[in-house]
C-alpha atoms as a PDB file:
ATOM      1  CA  UNK A   1     327.362 183.786  76.143  1.00  0.00           C
ATOM      2  CA  UNK A   2     330.293 185.254  74.236  1.00  0.00           C
ATOM      3  CA  UNK A   3     330.225 189.003  73.581  1.00  0.00           C
ATOM      4  CA  UNK A   4     332.743 190.553  71.184  1.00  0.00           C
ATOM      5  CA  UNK A   5     332.865 194.348  71.623  1.00  0.00           C
ATOM      6  CA  UNK A   6     333.682 196.480  68.561  1.00  0.00           C
ATOM      7  CA  UNK A   7     334.727 200.086  68.225  1.00  0.00           C
ATOM      8  CA  UNK A   8     334.567 202.038  64.973  1.00  0.00           C
ATOM      9  CA  UNK A   9     338.255 201.291  64.434  1.00  0.00           C
ATOM     10  CA  UNK A  10     337.644 197.564  64.973  1.00  0.00           C
ATOM     11  CA  UNK A  11     334.905 197.545  62.329  1.00  0.00           C
ATOM     12  CA  UNK A  12     337.368 198.999  59.830  1.00  0.00           C
ATOM     13  CA  UNK A  13     339.900 196.284  60.707  1.00  0.00           C
ATOM     14  CA  UNK A  14     337.787 193.154  60.226  1.00  0.00           C
ATOM     15  CA  UNK A  15     339.624 190.615  58.090  1.00  0.00           C
ATOM     16  CA  UNK A  16     338.561 187.405  56.370  1.00  0.00           C
ATOM     17  CA  UNK A  17     341.035 184.549  56.413  1.00  0.00           C
ATOM     18  CA  UNK A  18     341.968 183.617  52.858  1.00  0.00           C
ATOM     19  CA  UNK A  19     342.507 179.906  53.559  1.00  0.00           C
ATOM     20  CA  UNK A  20     341.899 177.122  56.098  1.00  0.00           C
ATOM     21  CA  UNK A  21     344.012 177.063  59.234  1.00  0.00           C
ATOM     22  CA  UNK A  22     345.818 173.711  59.457  1.00  0.00           C
ATOM     23  CA  UNK A  23     346.004 173.592  63.256  1.00  0.00           C
ATOM     24  CA  UNK A  24     342.515 174.890  63.989  1.00  0.00           C
ATOM     25  CA  UNK A  25     341.173 172.198  61.646  1.00  0.00           C
ATOM     26  CA  UNK A  26     343.383 169.569  63.292  1.00  0.00           C
ATOM     27  CA  UNK A  27     342.410 170.454  66.862  1.00  0.00           C
ATOM     28  CA  UNK A  28     338.705 170.910  66.128  1.00  0.00           C
ATOM     29  CA  UNK A  29     338.567 167.707  64.086  1.00  0.00           C
ATOM     30  CA  UNK A  30     339.911 165.882  67.142  1.00  0.00           C
ATOM     31  CA  UNK A  31     336.820 167.104  68.979  1.00  0.00           C
ATOM     32  CA  UNK A  32     334.609 165.813  66.155  1.00  0.00           C
ATOM     33  CA  UNK A  33     336.395 162.447  66.205  1.00  0.00           C
ATOM     34  CA  UNK A  34     335.184 161.832  69.771  1.00  0.00           C
ATOM     35  CA  UNK A  35     331.738 163.360  69.242  1.00  0.00           C
ATOM     36  CA  UNK A  36     328.860 161.159  68.094  1.00  0.00           C
ATOM     37  CA  UNK A  37     326.824 164.090  66.777  1.00  0.00           C
ATOM     38  CA  UNK A  38     326.738 165.208  63.166  1.00  0.00           C
ATOM     39  CA  UNK A  39     326.877 161.670  61.769  1.00  0.00           C
ATOM     40  CA  UNK A  40     325.515 162.785  58.396  1.00  0.00           C
ATOM     41  CA  UNK A  41     328.564 164.962  57.757  1.00  0.00           C
ATOM     42  CA  UNK A  42     331.208 163.386  59.981  1.00  0.00           C
ATOM     43  CA  UNK A  43     330.160 159.734  60.437  1.00  0.00           C
ATOM     44  CA  UNK A  44     332.014 158.209  57.483  1.00  0.00           C
ATOM     45  CA  UNK A  45     334.986 160.515  58.078  1.00  0.00           C
ATOM     46  CA  UNK A  46     335.216 159.221  61.666  1.00  0.00           C
ATOM     47  CA  UNK A  47     335.261 155.600  60.551  1.00  0.00           C
ATOM     48  CA  UNK A  48     337.880 156.190  57.860  1.00  0.00           C
ATOM     49  CA  UNK A  49     340.105 158.348  60.077  1.00  0.00           C
ATOM     50  CA  UNK A  50     340.067 155.971  63.047  1.00  0.00           C
ATOM     51  CA  UNK A  51     341.188 153.160  60.766  1.00  0.00           C
ATOM     52  CA  UNK A  52     344.279 155.188  59.794  1.00  0.00           C
ATOM     53  CA  UNK A  53     345.256 156.375  63.267  1.00  0.00           C
ATOM     54  CA  UNK A  54     348.189 154.755  65.018  1.00  0.00           C
ATOM     55  CA  UNK A  55     348.254 155.794  68.674  1.00  0.00           C
ATOM     56  CA  UNK A  56     348.318 159.566  68.140  1.00  0.00           C
ATOM     57  CA  UNK A  57     345.150 160.131  70.150  1.00  0.00           C
ATOM     58  CA  UNK A  58     346.574 159.215  73.559  1.00  0.00           C
ATOM     59  CA  UNK A  59     348.888 162.215  73.895  1.00  0.00           C
ATOM     60  CA  UNK A  60     346.474 164.550  72.114  1.00  0.00           C
ATOM     61  CA  UNK A  61     343.698 163.619  74.554  1.00  0.00           C
ATOM     62  CA  UNK A  62     345.782 164.941  77.428  1.00  0.00           C
ATOM     63  CA  UNK A  63     345.958 168.447  75.928  1.00  0.00           C
ATOM     64  CA  UNK A  64     342.662 168.543  73.982  1.00  0.00           C
ATOM     65  CA  UNK A  65     339.837 167.503  76.337  1.00  0.00           C
ATOM     66  CA  UNK A  66     336.458 166.543  74.940  1.00  0.00           C
ATOM     67  CA  UNK A  67     335.054 169.896  76.064  1.00  0.00           C
ATOM     68  CA  UNK A  68     336.206 173.151  77.567  1.00  0.00           C
ATOM     69  CA  UNK A  69     339.587 174.838  77.509  1.00  0.00           C
ATOM     70  CA  UNK A  70     342.522 173.660  75.432  1.00  0.00           C
ATOM     71  CA  UNK A  71     345.819 175.609  75.325  1.00  0.00           C
ATOM     72  CA  UNK A  72     346.057 178.592  73.007  1.00  0.00           C
ATOM     73  CA  UNK A  73     349.597 177.648  71.954  1.00  0.00           C
ATOM     74  CA  UNK A  74     348.131 174.718  69.964  1.00  0.00           C
ATOM     75  CA  UNK A  75     346.640 177.095  67.370  1.00  0.00           C
ATOM     76  CA  UNK A  76     349.199 179.799  66.498  1.00  0.00           C
ATOM     77  CA  UNK A  77     348.492 182.337  63.775  1.00  0.00           C
ATOM     78  CA  UNK A  78     350.939 180.525  61.475  1.00  0.00           C
ATOM     79  CA  UNK A  79     348.325 177.804  60.918  1.00  0.00           C
ATOM     80  CA  UNK A  80     347.147 179.432  57.691  1.00  0.00           C
ATOM     81  CA  UNK A  81     350.646 179.037  56.230  1.00  0.00           C
ATOM     82  CA  UNK A  82     350.602 175.251  56.281  1.00  0.00           C
ATOM     83  CA  UNK A  83     351.226 172.434  58.741  1.00  0.00           C
ATOM     84  CA  UNK A  84     355.025 172.569  58.692  1.00  0.00           C
ATOM     85  CA  UNK A  85     355.157 176.286  59.512  1.00  0.00           C
ATOM     86  CA  UNK A  86     352.408 175.894  62.101  1.00  0.00           C
ATOM     87  CA  UNK A  87     354.201 173.087  63.934  1.00  0.00           C
ATOM     88  CA  UNK A  88     357.424 175.098  63.977  1.00  0.00           C
ATOM     89  CA  UNK A  89     355.482 177.848  65.756  1.00  0.00           C
ATOM     90  CA  UNK A  90     354.122 175.345  68.291  1.00  0.00           C
ATOM     91  CA  UNK A  91     357.612 173.975  68.880  1.00  0.00           C
ATOM     92  CA  UNK A  92     358.872 177.528  69.494  1.00  0.00           C
ATOM     93  CA  UNK A  93     356.367 178.182  72.318  1.00  0.00           C
ATOM     94  CA  UNK A  94     358.119 179.981  75.179  1.00  0.00           C
ATOM     95  CA  UNK A  95     358.640 177.692  78.217  1.00  0.00           C
ATOM     96  CA  UNK A  96     356.910 180.099  80.591  1.00  0.00           C
ATOM     97  CA  UNK A  97     353.852 180.260  78.333  1.00  0.00           C
ATOM     98  CA  UNK A  98     353.828 176.481  77.989  1.00  0.00           C
ATOM     99  CA  UNK A  99     353.879 175.989  81.757  1.00  0.00           C
ATOM    100  CA  UNK A 100     351.200 178.636  82.344  1.00  0.00           C
ATOM    101  CA  UNK A 101     348.772 177.232  79.794  1.00  0.00           C
ATOM    102  CA  UNK A 102     349.291 173.637  80.904  1.00  0.00           C
ATOM    103  CA  UNK A 103     348.632 174.705  84.496  1.00  0.00           C
ATOM    104  CA  UNK A 104     345.446 176.420  83.346  1.00  0.00           C
ATOM    105  CA  UNK A 105     344.474 173.239  81.498  1.00  0.00           C
ATOM    106  CA  UNK A 106     344.816 171.190  84.701  1.00  0.00           C
ATOM    107  CA  UNK A 107     342.835 173.743  86.703  1.00  0.00           C
ATOM    108  CA  UNK A 108     340.079 174.141  84.101  1.00  0.00           C
ATOM    109  CA  UNK A 109     338.891 170.536  83.984  1.00  0.00           C
ATOM    110  CA  UNK A 110     337.161 169.038  86.965  1.00  0.00           C
ATOM    111  CA  UNK A 111     337.232 165.314  87.768  1.00  0.00           C
ATOM    112  CA  UNK A 112     334.198 163.124  87.271  1.00  0.00           C
ATOM    113  CA  UNK A 113     332.118 161.998  90.260  1.00  0.00           C
ATOM    114  CA  UNK A 114     334.076 158.765  90.664  1.00  0.00           C
ATOM    115  CA  UNK A 115     337.490 160.439  90.878  1.00  0.00           C
ATOM    116  CA  UNK A 116     338.821 162.333  93.876  1.00  0.00           C
ATOM    117  CA  UNK A 117     340.020 165.861  92.972  1.00  0.00           C
ATOM    118  CA  UNK A 118     343.563 165.232  94.183  1.00  0.00           C
ATOM    119  CA  UNK A 119     343.804 161.999  92.192  1.00  0.00           C
ATOM    120  CA  UNK A 120     342.431 163.712  89.085  1.00  0.00           C
ATOM    121  CA  UNK A 121     344.987 166.533  89.340  1.00  0.00           C
ATOM    122  CA  UNK A 122     347.854 164.105  89.924  1.00  0.00           C
ATOM    123  CA  UNK A 123     346.797 161.938  86.988  1.00  0.00           C
ATOM    124  CA  UNK A 124     346.479 164.930  84.661  1.00  0.00           C
ATOM    125  CA  UNK A 125     349.847 166.353  85.691  1.00  0.00           C
ATOM    126  CA  UNK A 126     351.461 162.953  85.147  1.00  0.00           C
ATOM    127  CA  UNK A 127     350.112 162.777  81.591  1.00  0.00           C
ATOM    128  CA  UNK A 128     351.314 166.313  80.874  1.00  0.00           C
ATOM    129  CA  UNK A 129     354.721 165.915  82.545  1.00  0.00           C
ATOM    130  CA  UNK A 130     356.580 165.081  79.281  1.00  0.00           C
ATOM    131  CA  UNK A 131     355.410 168.408  77.841  1.00  0.00           C
ATOM    132  CA  UNK A 132     356.778 170.490  80.704  1.00  0.00           C
ATOM    133  CA  UNK A 133     360.249 168.960  80.911  1.00  0.00           C
ATOM    134  CA  UNK A 134     363.582 170.114  79.609  1.00  0.00           C
ATOM    135  CA  UNK A 135     365.101 169.559  76.183  1.00  0.00           C
ATOM    136  CA  UNK A 136     362.445 169.421  73.468  1.00  0.00           C
ATOM    137  CA  UNK A 137     359.267 168.884  75.475  1.00  0.00           C
ATOM    138  CA  UNK A 138     357.041 169.654  72.500  1.00  0.00           C
ATOM    139  CA  UNK A 139     358.682 167.219  70.083  1.00  0.00           C
ATOM    140  CA  UNK A 140     356.319 164.374  71.036  1.00  0.00           C
ATOM    141  CA  UNK A 141     353.284 166.629  70.851  1.00  0.00           C
ATOM    142  CA  UNK A 142     354.120 168.073  67.445  1.00  0.00           C
ATOM    143  CA  UNK A 143     354.828 164.543  66.213  1.00  0.00           C
ATOM    144  CA  UNK A 144     351.396 163.426  67.409  1.00  0.00           C
ATOM    145  CA  UNK A 145     349.750 166.464  65.807  1.00  0.00           C
ATOM    146  CA  UNK A 146     351.490 165.775  62.504  1.00  0.00           C
ATOM    147  CA  UNK A 147     350.559 162.078  62.535  1.00  0.00           C
ATOM    148  CA  UNK A 148     346.948 162.824  63.395  1.00  0.00           C
ATOM    149  CA  UNK A 149     346.732 165.537  60.707  1.00  0.00           C
ATOM    150  CA  UNK A 150     348.030 163.112  58.067  1.00  0.00           C
ATOM    151  CA  UNK A 151     345.460 160.504  59.041  1.00  0.00           C
ATOM    152  CA  UNK A 152     342.358 162.593  59.683  1.00  0.00           C
ATOM    153  CA  UNK A 153     342.697 165.973  57.957  1.00  0.00           C
ATOM    154  CA  UNK A 154     345.159 165.889  55.059  1.00  0.00           C
ATOM    155  CA  UNK A 155     343.238 163.344  52.910  1.00  0.00           C
ATOM    156  CA  UNK A 156     340.202 165.653  52.974  1.00  0.00           C
ATOM    157  CA  UNK A 157     342.018 168.961  52.563  1.00  0.00           C
ATOM    158  CA  UNK A 158     340.624 169.848  49.105  1.00  0.00           C
ATOM    159  CA  UNK A 159     337.071 169.429  50.409  1.00  0.00           C
ATOM    160  CA  UNK A 160     337.868 171.513  53.508  1.00  0.00           C
ATOM    161  CA  UNK A 161     339.461 174.181  51.350  1.00  0.00           C
ATOM    162  CA  UNK A 162     336.509 174.263  48.953  1.00  0.00           C
ATOM    163  CA  UNK A 163     333.950 174.750  51.738  1.00  0.00           C
ATOM    164  CA  UNK A 164     336.014 177.526  53.312  1.00  0.00           C
ATOM    165  CA  UNK A 165     336.537 179.262  49.981  1.00  0.00           C
ATOM    166  CA  UNK A 166     332.773 179.122  49.393  1.00  0.00           C
ATOM    167  CA  UNK A 167     332.148 180.664  52.805  1.00  0.00           C
ATOM    168  CA  UNK A 168     334.743 183.355  52.135  1.00  0.00           C
ATOM    169  CA  UNK A 169     333.006 184.211  48.856  1.00  0.00           C
ATOM    170  CA  UNK A 170     329.670 184.595  50.656  1.00  0.00           C
ATOM    171  CA  UNK A 171     331.178 186.797  53.398  1.00  0.00           C
ATOM    172  CA  UNK A 172     333.080 188.850  50.843  1.00  0.00           C
ATOM    173  CA  UNK A 173     329.890 189.476  48.905  1.00  0.00           C
ATOM    174  CA  UNK A 174     328.155 190.614  52.103  1.00  0.00           C
ATOM    175  CA  UNK A 175     331.046 192.974  52.832  1.00  0.00           C
ATOM    176  CA  UNK A 176     330.860 194.464  49.332  1.00  0.00           C
ATOM    177  CA  UNK A 177     327.075 194.795  49.494  1.00  0.00           C
ATOM    178  CA  UNK A 178     326.759 196.385  52.919  1.00  0.00           C
ATOM    179  CA  UNK A 179     330.123 196.860  54.595  1.00  0.00           C
ATOM    180  CA  UNK A 180     331.156 195.511  57.991  1.00  0.00           C
ATOM    181  CA  UNK A 181     327.587 195.589  59.325  1.00  0.00           C
ATOM    182  CA  UNK A 182     326.333 193.325  56.554  1.00  0.00           C
ATOM    183  CA  UNK A 183     329.353 191.044  56.919  1.00  0.00           C
ATOM    184  CA  UNK A 184     328.791 190.499  60.636  1.00  0.00           C
ATOM    185  CA  UNK A 185     325.045 190.072  60.113  1.00  0.00           C
ATOM    186  CA  UNK A 186     325.714 187.393  57.476  1.00  0.00           C
ATOM    187  CA  UNK A 187     327.586 185.077  59.863  1.00  0.00           C
ATOM    188  CA  UNK A 188     325.966 181.734  60.828  1.00  0.00           C
ATOM    189  CA  UNK A 189     322.838 181.866  63.045  1.00  0.00           C
ATOM    190  CA  UNK A 190     324.649 181.107  66.301  1.00  0.00           C
ATOM    191  CA  UNK A 191     326.354 184.517  65.898  1.00  0.00           C
ATOM    192  CA  UNK A 192     324.122 187.575  66.358  1.00  0.00           C
ATOM    193  CA  UNK A 193     325.229 191.078  65.384  1.00  0.00           C
ATOM    194  CA  UNK A 194     323.724 193.662  67.743  1.00  0.00           C
ATOM    195  CA  UNK A 195     325.876 196.734  67.116  1.00  0.00           C
ATOM    196  CA  UNK A 196     328.395 197.317  68.538  1.00  0.00           C
ATOM    197  CA  UNK A 197     328.466 193.779  70.029  1.00  0.00           C
ATOM    198  CA  UNK A 198     328.650 190.401  68.290  1.00  0.00           C
ATOM    199  CA  UNK A 199     326.977 187.791  70.510  1.00  0.00           C
ATOM    200  CA  UNK A 200     327.136 184.025  70.406  1.00  0.00           C
ATOM    201  CA  UNK A 201     326.022 181.072  72.485  1.00  0.00           C
ATOM    202  CA  UNK A 202     329.088 179.910  74.411  1.00  0.00           C
ATOM    203  CA  UNK A 203     329.914 177.382  77.139  1.00  0.00           C
ATOM    204  CA  UNK A 204     330.935 180.169  79.562  1.00  0.00           C
ATOM    205  CA  UNK A 205     330.153 183.858  80.017  1.00  0.00           C
ATOM    206  CA  UNK A 206     332.867 185.813  78.225  1.00  0.00           C
ATOM    207  CA  UNK A 207     333.532 189.375  77.031  1.00  0.00           C
ATOM    208  CA  UNK A 208     336.188 190.024  74.396  1.00  0.00           C
ATOM    209  CA  UNK A 209     337.147 193.677  73.945  1.00  0.00           C
ATOM    210  CA  UNK A 210     338.924 194.229  70.636  1.00  0.00           C
ATOM    211  CA  UNK A 211     340.364 197.639  71.629  1.00  0.00           C
ATOM    212  CA  UNK A 212     341.245 198.725  68.121  1.00  0.00           C
ATOM    213  CA  UNK A 213     342.962 195.484  67.126  1.00  0.00           C
ATOM    214  CA  UNK A 214     340.247 194.397  64.711  1.00  0.00           C
ATOM    215  CA  UNK A 215     339.123 190.796  64.294  1.00  0.00           C
ATOM    216  CA  UNK A 216     340.181 187.938  62.040  1.00  0.00           C
ATOM    217  CA  UNK A 217     337.215 185.823  60.917  1.00  0.00           C
ATOM    218  CA  UNK A 218     338.374 182.230  60.432  1.00  0.00           C
ATOM    219  CA  UNK A 219     335.800 179.845  58.922  1.00  0.00           C
ATOM    220  CA  UNK A 220     336.339 176.213  59.891  1.00  0.00           C
ATOM    221  CA  UNK A 221     335.115 172.927  58.444  1.00  0.00           C
ATOM    222  CA  UNK A 222     335.349 171.043  61.761  1.00  0.00           C
ATOM    223  CA  UNK A 223     334.030 173.779  64.049  1.00  0.00           C
ATOM    224  CA  UNK A 224     330.512 172.851  65.163  1.00  0.00           C
ATOM    225  CA  UNK A 225     327.760 174.405  67.251  1.00  0.00           C
ATOM    226  CA  UNK A 226     329.589 177.370  68.783  1.00  0.00           C
ATOM    227  CA  UNK A 227     332.419 179.644  67.652  1.00  0.00           C
ATOM    228  CA  UNK A 228     335.832 179.533  69.316  1.00  0.00           C
ATOM    229  CA  UNK A 229     338.126 182.328  70.493  1.00  0.00           C
ATOM    230  CA  UNK A 230     341.444 182.397  72.329  1.00  0.00           C
ATOM    231  CA  UNK A 231     341.306 182.236  76.109  1.00  0.00           C
ATOM    232  CA  UNK A 232     344.126 184.783  76.430  1.00  0.00           C
ATOM    233  CA  UNK A 233     342.625 188.236  75.672  1.00  0.00           C
ATOM    234  CA  UNK A 234     346.102 189.609  74.895  1.00  0.00           C
ATOM    235  CA  UNK A 235     346.506 187.417  71.801  1.00  0.00           C
ATOM    236  CA  UNK A 236     345.510 188.872  68.408  1.00  0.00           C
ATOM    237  CA  UNK A 237     341.712 188.392  68.267  1.00  0.00           C
ATOM    238  CA  UNK A 238     340.473 185.494  66.112  1.00  0.00           C
ATOM    239  CA  UNK A 239     336.907 184.233  65.813  1.00  0.00           C
ATOM    240  CA  UNK A 240     336.651 180.671  64.481  1.00  0.00           C
ATOM    241  CA  UNK A 241     333.163 179.811  63.264  1.00  0.00           C
ATOM    242  CA  UNK A 242     331.566 176.833  61.436  1.00  0.00           C
ATOM    243  CA  UNK A 243     330.976 176.792  57.693  1.00  0.00           C
ATOM    244  CA  UNK A 244     327.692 175.584  56.218  1.00  0.00           C
ATOM    245  CA  UNK A 245     327.887 171.920  55.251  1.00  0.00           C
ATOM    246  CA  UNK A 246     326.392 170.208  52.219  1.00  0.00           C
ATOM    247  CA  UNK A 247     324.668 166.838  52.652  1.00  0.00           C
ATOM    248  CA  UNK A 248     327.622 164.725  51.587  1.00  0.00           C
ATOM    249  CA  UNK A 249     330.702 164.166  53.711  1.00  0.00           C
ATOM    250  CA  UNK A 250     334.206 164.432  52.264  1.00  0.00           C
ATOM    251  CA  UNK A 251     335.384 161.269  50.515  1.00  0.00           C
ATOM    252  CA  UNK A 252     338.905 160.136  49.627  1.00  0.00           C
ATOM    253  CA  UNK A 253     340.052 159.862  46.030  1.00  0.00           C
ATOM    254  CA  UNK A 254     339.647 156.111  45.750  1.00  0.00           C
ATOM    255  CA  UNK A 255     335.896 156.772  45.502  1.00  0.00           C
ATOM    256  CA  UNK A 256     335.617 157.739  41.819  1.00  0.00           C
ATOM    257  CA  UNK A 257     332.540 159.965  42.173  1.00  0.00           C
ATOM    258  CA  UNK A 258     330.729 161.472  39.161  1.00  0.00           C
ATOM    259  CA  UNK A 259     332.707 161.321  35.921  1.00  0.00           C
ATOM    260  CA  UNK A 260     334.398 164.438  34.599  1.00  0.00           C
ATOM    261  CA  UNK A 261     333.481 163.394  31.072  1.00  0.00           C
ATOM    262  CA  UNK A 262     330.189 165.263  31.368  1.00  0.00           C
ATOM    263  CA  UNK A 263     332.181 168.513  31.228  1.00  0.00           C
ATOM    264  CA  UNK A 264     332.859 168.168  27.489  1.00  0.00           C
ATOM    265  CA  UNK A 265     331.514 171.093  25.493  1.00  0.00           C
ATOM    266  CA  UNK A 266     332.200 174.762  24.894  1.00  0.00           C
ATOM    267  CA  UNK A 267     329.141 176.022  26.775  1.00  0.00           C
ATOM    268  CA  UNK A 268     330.046 174.241  29.976  1.00  0.00           C
ATOM    269  CA  UNK A 269     333.645 175.441  29.730  1.00  0.00           C
ATOM    270  CA  UNK A 270     332.300 178.974  29.377  1.00  0.00           C
ATOM    271  CA  UNK A 271     330.099 178.481  32.429  1.00  0.00           C
ATOM    272  CA  UNK A 272     333.053 177.221  34.482  1.00  0.00           C
ATOM    273  CA  UNK A 273     335.109 180.259  33.501  1.00  0.00           C
ATOM    274  CA  UNK A 274     332.179 182.595  34.179  1.00  0.00           C
ATOM    275  CA  UNK A 275     331.938 181.408  37.775  1.00  0.00           C
ATOM    276  CA  UNK A 276     335.448 182.767  38.356  1.00  0.00           C
ATOM    277  CA  UNK A 277     335.809 184.058  41.913  1.00  0.00           C
ATOM    278  CA  UNK A 278     332.130 183.496  42.670  1.00  0.00           C
ATOM    279  CA  UNK A 279     328.688 184.477  41.417  1.00  0.00           C
ATOM    280  CA  UNK A 280     324.980 183.820  41.888  1.00  0.00           C
ATOM    281  CA  UNK A 281     322.964 181.786  39.395  1.00  0.00           C
ATOM    282  CA  UNK A 282     321.485 184.964  37.903  1.00  0.00           C
ATOM    283  CA  UNK A 283     324.931 186.496  37.482  1.00  0.00           C
ATOM    284  CA  UNK A 284     326.192 183.254  35.980  1.00  0.00           C
ATOM    285  CA  UNK A 285     323.391 183.288  33.399  1.00  0.00           C
ATOM    286  CA  UNK A 286     324.262 186.852  32.407  1.00  0.00           C
ATOM    287  CA  UNK A 287     328.004 186.226  32.255  1.00  0.00           C
ATOM    288  CA  UNK A 288     327.698 183.039  30.213  1.00  0.00           C
ATOM    289  CA  UNK A 289     324.867 184.288  27.976  1.00  0.00           C
ATOM    290  CA  UNK A 290     322.521 181.415  28.835  1.00  0.00           C
ATOM    291  CA  UNK A 291     319.073 181.163  30.383  1.00  0.00           C
ATOM    292  CA  UNK A 292     318.608 181.011  34.147  1.00  0.00           C
ATOM    293  CA  UNK A 293     317.443 177.392  33.934  1.00  0.00           C
ATOM    294  CA  UNK A 294     320.450 176.458  31.791  1.00  0.00           C
ATOM    295  CA  UNK A 295     322.882 178.195  34.165  1.00  0.00           C
ATOM    296  CA  UNK A 296     321.379 176.284  37.107  1.00  0.00           C
ATOM    297  CA  UNK A 297     321.628 172.960  35.246  1.00  0.00           C
ATOM    298  CA  UNK A 298     325.246 173.548  34.200  1.00  0.00           C
ATOM    299  CA  UNK A 299     326.202 174.577  37.739  1.00  0.00           C
ATOM    300  CA  UNK A 300     324.589 171.367  39.060  1.00  0.00           C
ATOM    301  CA  UNK A 301     326.674 169.199  36.718  1.00  0.00           C
ATOM    302  CA  UNK A 302     329.862 171.087  37.613  1.00  0.00           C
ATOM    303  CA  UNK A 303     329.076 170.676  41.308  1.00  0.00           C
ATOM    304  CA  UNK A 304     328.465 166.931  40.937  1.00  0.00           C
ATOM    305  CA  UNK A 305     331.786 166.638  39.110  1.00  0.00           C
ATOM    306  CA  UNK A 306     333.597 168.240  42.053  1.00  0.00           C
ATOM    307  CA  UNK A 307     334.533 171.486  40.252  1.00  0.00           C
ATOM    308  CA  UNK A 308     332.102 173.873  41.937  1.00  0.00           C
ATOM    309  CA  UNK A 309     330.761 174.403  45.450  1.00  0.00           C
ATOM    310  CA  UNK A 310     327.352 176.007  45.941  1.00  0.00           C
ATOM    311  CA  UNK A 311     326.418 177.837  49.146  1.00  0.00           C
ATOM    312  CA  UNK A 312     323.149 179.525  50.028  1.00  0.00           C
ATOM    313  CA  UNK A 313     323.403 183.266  50.777  1.00  0.00           C
ATOM    314  CA  UNK A 314     320.035 184.691  51.782  1.00  0.00           C
ATOM    315  CA  UNK A 315     317.551 184.008  48.992  1.00  0.00           C
ATOM    316  CA  UNK A 316     320.300 183.388  46.434  1.00  0.00           C
ATOM    317  CA  UNK A 317     322.887 180.669  45.916  1.00  0.00           C
ATOM    318  CA  UNK A 318     326.550 181.489  45.418  1.00  0.00           C
ATOM    319  CA  UNK A 319     328.754 179.307  43.202  1.00  0.00           C
ATOM    320  CA  UNK A 320     332.552 179.169  43.655  1.00  0.00           C
ATOM    321  CA  UNK A 321     335.282 177.028  42.144  1.00  0.00           C
ATOM    322  CA  UNK A 322     336.879 174.197  44.090  1.00  0.00           C
ATOM    323  CA  UNK A 323     340.689 173.852  43.930  1.00  0.00           C
ATOM    324  CA  UNK A 324     340.161 171.187  41.257  1.00  0.00           C
ATOM    325  CA  UNK A 325     337.925 173.500  39.220  1.00  0.00           C
ATOM    326  CA  UNK A 326     340.447 176.313  39.486  1.00  0.00           C
ATOM    327  CA  UNK A 327     343.238 173.926  38.415  1.00  0.00           C
ATOM    328  CA  UNK A 328     341.209 172.932  35.358  1.00  0.00           C
ATOM    329  CA  UNK A 329     340.863 176.571  34.329  1.00  0.00           C
ATOM    330  CA  UNK A 330     344.533 177.348  34.988  1.00  0.00           C
ATOM    331  CA  UNK A 331     345.771 174.404  32.954  1.00  0.00           C
ATOM    332  CA  UNK A 332     343.125 174.263  30.247  1.00  0.00           C
ATOM    333  CA  UNK A 333     341.735 170.825  29.485  1.00  0.00           C
ATOM    334  CA  UNK A 334     345.003 168.961  30.012  1.00  0.00           C
ATOM    335  CA  UNK A 335     345.131 165.778  32.037  1.00  0.00           C
ATOM    336  CA  UNK A 336     347.557 167.392  34.485  1.00  0.00           C
ATOM    337  CA  UNK A 337     344.998 170.064  35.338  1.00  0.00           C
ATOM    338  CA  UNK A 338     342.510 167.423  36.447  1.00  0.00           C
ATOM    339  CA  UNK A 339     344.829 166.068  39.141  1.00  0.00           C
ATOM    340  CA  UNK A 340     345.145 168.104  42.366  1.00  0.00           C
ATOM    341  CA  UNK A 341     348.683 168.969  43.374  1.00  0.00           C
ATOM    342  CA  UNK A 342     350.307 167.107  46.312  1.00  0.00           C
ATOM    343  CA  UNK A 343     350.032 170.304  48.371  1.00  0.00           C
ATOM    344  CA  UNK A 344     346.263 170.317  47.831  1.00  0.00           C
ATOM    345  CA  UNK A 345     345.654 166.618  48.351  1.00  0.00           C
ATOM    346  CA  UNK A 346     348.381 165.162  50.521  1.00  0.00           C
ATOM    347  CA  UNK A 347     350.509 162.119  49.814  1.00  0.00           C
ATOM    348  CA  UNK A 348     347.581 159.942  48.849  1.00  0.00           C
ATOM    349  CA  UNK A 349     346.539 162.176  45.932  1.00  0.00           C
ATOM    350  CA  UNK A 350     342.953 162.704  47.063  1.00  0.00           C
ATOM    351  CA  UNK A 351     339.898 163.944  45.198  1.00  0.00           C
ATOM    352  CA  UNK A 352     336.481 164.660  46.666  1.00  0.00           C
ATOM    353  CA  UNK A 353     332.846 163.879  46.183  1.00  0.00           C
ATOM    354  CA  UNK A 354     330.485 166.865  46.474  1.00  0.00           C
ATOM    355  CA  UNK A 355     326.862 166.746  47.553  1.00  0.00           C
ATOM    356  CA  UNK A 356     323.881 168.885  46.546  1.00  0.00           C
ATOM    357  CA  UNK A 357     323.285 172.292  48.073  1.00  0.00           C
ATOM    358  CA  UNK A 358     320.777 172.353  50.922  1.00  0.00           C
ATOM    359  CA  UNK A 359     318.653 175.159  52.264  1.00  0.00           C
END
């Protein structure tokens, strides 16, 4: 079990990440790539991503095992500022920290029953040797991370961003409604708020004392089952937790999805604008001046068109704009507004297919 211990000061210093973290998503997606579970959400993504990979997994497998510890230096705080900035931070890892975390990696993973311990350690150290050498030992690793990200994460970035923005809207509403207590109580079911301790199922027994540093809550599309925290208790505390998934998996832009033509009409444009930074169906009906049934129907069409994400929050549902929906509002009804920017989609110019909300 993981136990995160809060003081009154820590409760006042809880923060919600305002965007996905490029490296957390990259590292955690590599776990999902080798995991057969969650086929409904990740099955098609696995098949598509594997077809685009070109040898990046061999080096990554040596530093990101299928389970257990992976080095903290792989997920620096700069991950929320984009992949380029994040990889620069990885490349700047101090040599002594690199050696210490790689040594911990070797010590943390036991051999299987068919491998002698000494042979397992020697084999692991041999695979990691290029990362502990002189010169630019992390150049190969950052190259592999970048190549893997382009193949498996970047094409789906708008979908990842939309799910995380929806989660952020739900957590923000909880914070506004009931403060830090309500926020922590609103986290996914594997996290249990028992003041002043946040508990979670975890592979090992672990206590994290915040000691007045607060906590950054980082929702993640590819996190699954249990939250993740840094192994080093001296690092700024971050809790990575899974978002709630809709039925449909992310799809690349060459799948046309529902047509945007159904958005024609003043009422639906008003509804899209009324959603703004997030609202429930009842609030949407009031803002747009339509009936509850009409607000629900319009939100359904917008969701199917990829402009809105809907997330359950208690007995209500919370609607938020996707990056594409926000771009439409920013640019009016121009053709340019309907095309995600390269920063949002990656080189392939991806769009996404959205599925229905589930309970």
